[in-house]
Protein backbone atom coordinates (compact mmCIF):
# COMPACT_ATOMS: atom_id res chain seq x y z
CA ALA A 1 5.43 81.83 129.03
CA ILE A 2 3.05 83.77 126.83
CA GLU A 3 4.29 85.03 123.51
CA ALA A 4 3.35 88.66 122.25
CA LEU A 5 0.51 87.15 120.13
CA GLY A 6 -0.94 85.19 123.03
CA LYS A 7 0.66 81.88 122.26
CA ILE A 8 1.47 79.75 125.20
CA LEU A 9 4.58 77.85 125.96
CA LEU A 10 4.94 75.03 128.64
CA ALA A 11 8.04 73.10 129.59
CA GLY A 12 8.26 69.88 131.22
CA VAL A 13 9.21 66.18 130.49
CA ARG A 14 8.06 63.69 127.86
CA GLY A 15 9.86 60.28 128.23
CA ASN A 16 13.33 61.06 129.60
CA GLY A 17 13.75 64.33 127.88
CA LEU A 18 12.77 67.96 128.00
CA ALA A 19 9.64 68.83 126.26
CA ILE A 20 8.48 72.17 125.25
CA TRP A 21 4.66 72.52 123.95
CA ARG A 22 3.22 75.55 122.25
CA TYR A 23 -0.58 76.17 122.06
CA SER A 24 -2.49 78.93 120.34
CA SER A 25 -4.21 81.61 122.63
CA ALA A 26 -7.37 79.45 122.28
CA GLY A 27 -5.53 76.39 123.65
CA ILE A 28 -5.15 74.55 120.41
CA VAL A 29 -1.75 72.85 119.72
CA ASP A 30 0.40 74.98 117.46
CA GLY A 31 1.54 72.68 114.65
CA THR A 32 4.00 75.04 113.30
CA PHE A 33 6.14 74.61 116.47
CA GLY A 34 8.70 71.70 116.59
CA THR A 35 6.97 68.64 115.39
CA GLY A 36 3.18 68.90 115.81
CA GLY A 37 3.36 71.61 118.53
CA ILE A 38 6.14 69.85 120.71
CA VAL A 39 9.82 69.93 120.77
CA VAL A 40 11.52 67.02 122.85
CA SER A 41 15.22 67.05 123.65
CA GLU A 42 16.22 63.36 124.16
CA PRO A 43 19.12 62.80 126.48
CA PRO A 44 21.66 60.10 126.13
CA SER A 45 20.96 56.77 127.92
CA GLY A 46 21.39 57.10 131.71
CA GLU A 47 19.91 60.64 131.90
CA LEU A 48 16.62 62.35 132.66
CA ARG A 49 16.29 65.93 131.59
CA ALA A 50 13.25 68.03 132.64
CA GLY A 51 12.20 71.61 132.23
CA ARG A 52 10.87 73.28 135.25
CA ALA A 53 10.65 77.07 134.08
CA ILE A 54 10.40 78.77 130.68
CA ALA A 55 10.94 82.41 129.48
CA LEU A 56 11.10 84.43 126.18
CA ALA A 57 14.06 86.64 125.25
CA ALA A 58 13.28 89.98 123.55
CA ASP A 59 14.09 88.51 120.33
CA GLY A 60 11.43 85.74 120.75
CA SER A 61 13.95 82.98 121.49
CA ILE A 62 13.13 80.63 124.36
CA GLY A 63 15.02 79.78 127.46
CA VAL A 64 14.29 76.79 129.75
CA ALA A 65 15.75 76.04 133.21
CA GLY A 66 15.38 72.74 134.87
CA VAL A 67 17.35 69.67 135.91
CA ARG A 68 19.76 67.07 134.51
CA LEU A 69 19.56 63.81 136.47
CA PHE A 70 21.74 60.78 136.21
CA THR A 71 20.99 56.99 136.94
CA ASN A 72 24.73 56.35 138.15
CA GLY A 73 24.55 58.49 141.25
CA ILE A 74 26.13 61.58 139.98
CA PRO A 75 24.53 64.62 141.71
CA ALA A 76 21.69 66.43 139.84
CA GLN A 77 22.81 69.39 137.72
CA LEU A 78 21.00 72.74 136.89
CA ALA A 79 20.22 72.53 133.27
CA VAL A 80 19.49 75.42 130.65
CA TRP A 81 18.17 75.02 127.21
CA ARG A 82 17.89 77.70 124.44
CA TYR A 83 15.53 77.46 121.41
CA THR A 84 14.69 79.89 118.51
CA ASP A 85 11.04 80.80 118.29
CA ALA A 86 10.46 77.81 115.87
CA GLY A 87 11.71 75.46 118.39
CA VAL A 88 15.14 74.80 116.87
CA PRO A 89 18.10 74.47 119.32
CA LEU A 90 19.90 77.94 119.46
CA LEU A 91 23.51 76.86 118.62
CA SER A 92 24.92 80.08 119.66
CA PHE A 93 24.30 79.02 123.20
CA GLN A 94 26.83 76.37 124.54
CA THR A 95 27.26 75.21 120.73
CA ILE A 96 24.39 72.81 121.16
CA GLY A 97 21.67 74.76 122.88
CA PHE A 98 22.04 73.12 126.10
CA GLY A 99 24.32 73.44 129.09
CA ALA A 100 24.40 71.81 132.50
CA TYR A 101 26.10 72.99 135.60
CA ALA A 102 27.32 71.12 138.73
CA PHE A 103 27.26 72.87 142.03
CA PRO A 104 29.82 71.83 144.59
CA GLY A 105 28.43 69.80 147.40
CA GLY A 106 25.50 68.17 145.80
CA PRO A 107 22.33 68.25 143.43
CA ALA A 108 21.09 71.32 141.86
CA LEU A 109 17.78 72.37 140.12
CA GLY A 110 16.84 75.39 138.11
CA THR A 111 13.54 76.78 139.25
CA ASP A 112 13.22 79.91 137.39
CA ILE A 113 14.58 81.81 134.30
CA LEU A 114 14.31 85.22 132.78
CA PHE A 115 16.31 87.62 130.39
CA ASP A 116 17.35 91.00 131.69
CA ALA A 117 17.23 94.19 129.63
CA SER A 118 20.64 93.43 128.05
CA GLY A 119 19.66 89.91 126.96
CA ARG A 120 21.55 88.13 129.74
CA ILE A 121 20.13 84.87 131.18
CA LEU A 122 19.10 84.86 134.96
CA ILE A 123 18.38 81.70 136.51
CA SER A 124 17.30 80.86 140.14
CA GLY A 125 17.59 77.50 141.68
CA ILE A 126 18.01 75.31 144.59
CA THR A 127 21.09 73.59 145.82
CA ALA A 128 21.84 70.94 148.37
CA SER A 129 24.89 72.81 149.85
CA PRO A 130 24.28 74.53 152.17
CA ALA A 131 20.86 72.79 152.75
CA GLY A 132 18.29 74.35 150.73
CA SER A 133 20.15 77.49 149.65
CA ARG A 134 18.91 79.38 146.60
CA SER A 135 21.41 80.39 144.04
CA VAL A 136 21.23 82.78 141.29
CA ALA A 137 23.48 82.76 138.04
CA ARG A 138 23.77 85.53 135.56
CA SER A 139 25.72 85.53 132.29
CA SER A 140 25.67 87.23 128.69
CA ARG A 141 25.91 83.97 126.79
CA SER A 142 26.23 81.09 129.10
CA VAL A 143 25.59 80.27 132.57
CA CYS A 144 28.38 80.15 135.23
CA SER A 145 28.67 77.68 137.92
CA THR A 146 28.04 79.23 141.33
CA SER A 147 26.45 78.25 144.61
CA GLY A 148 25.76 79.60 148.10
CA ARG A 149 23.00 81.35 149.99
CA ASN A 150 21.54 84.22 147.81
CA SER A 151 24.85 84.26 145.76
CA ASP A 152 25.04 86.10 142.69
CA HIS A 153 27.66 85.62 140.03
CA THR A 154 28.37 87.54 136.86
CA SER A 155 30.24 85.93 134.12
CA SER A 156 32.34 87.67 131.63
CA SER A 157 31.70 85.18 129.02
């Protein structure tokens, strides 16, 4: 994602947790973001959390979609993180700035994220049931759990 002033945001994984890096428009690490230009969200033991897509809301806050994996065989869950423009968890989202959503029938992965004109989160992803289906979740403050080929669900939350 590219911020209004040209700063670049990237999401991925560092260690076992989600990582977000911010760079200046010249490609230099932005030391004012997080700790030394990076924010890492470390999961509890037995989990891996990785960001796959990143987007900016109109207010400058950050949304990330990705995956929450478990070492104990629980199917992967679609994961969503929200941060302020400074890289601090947005506590108004799921009270901790993070939410994960299990889909019936198997693993799920968030592949893209954006905010609509009303500030609602839109996430697309891939689920294993039915095989390879894409899902879309939309909500005003949180993500709802839904699955199915080209499904669209609106939460009233």
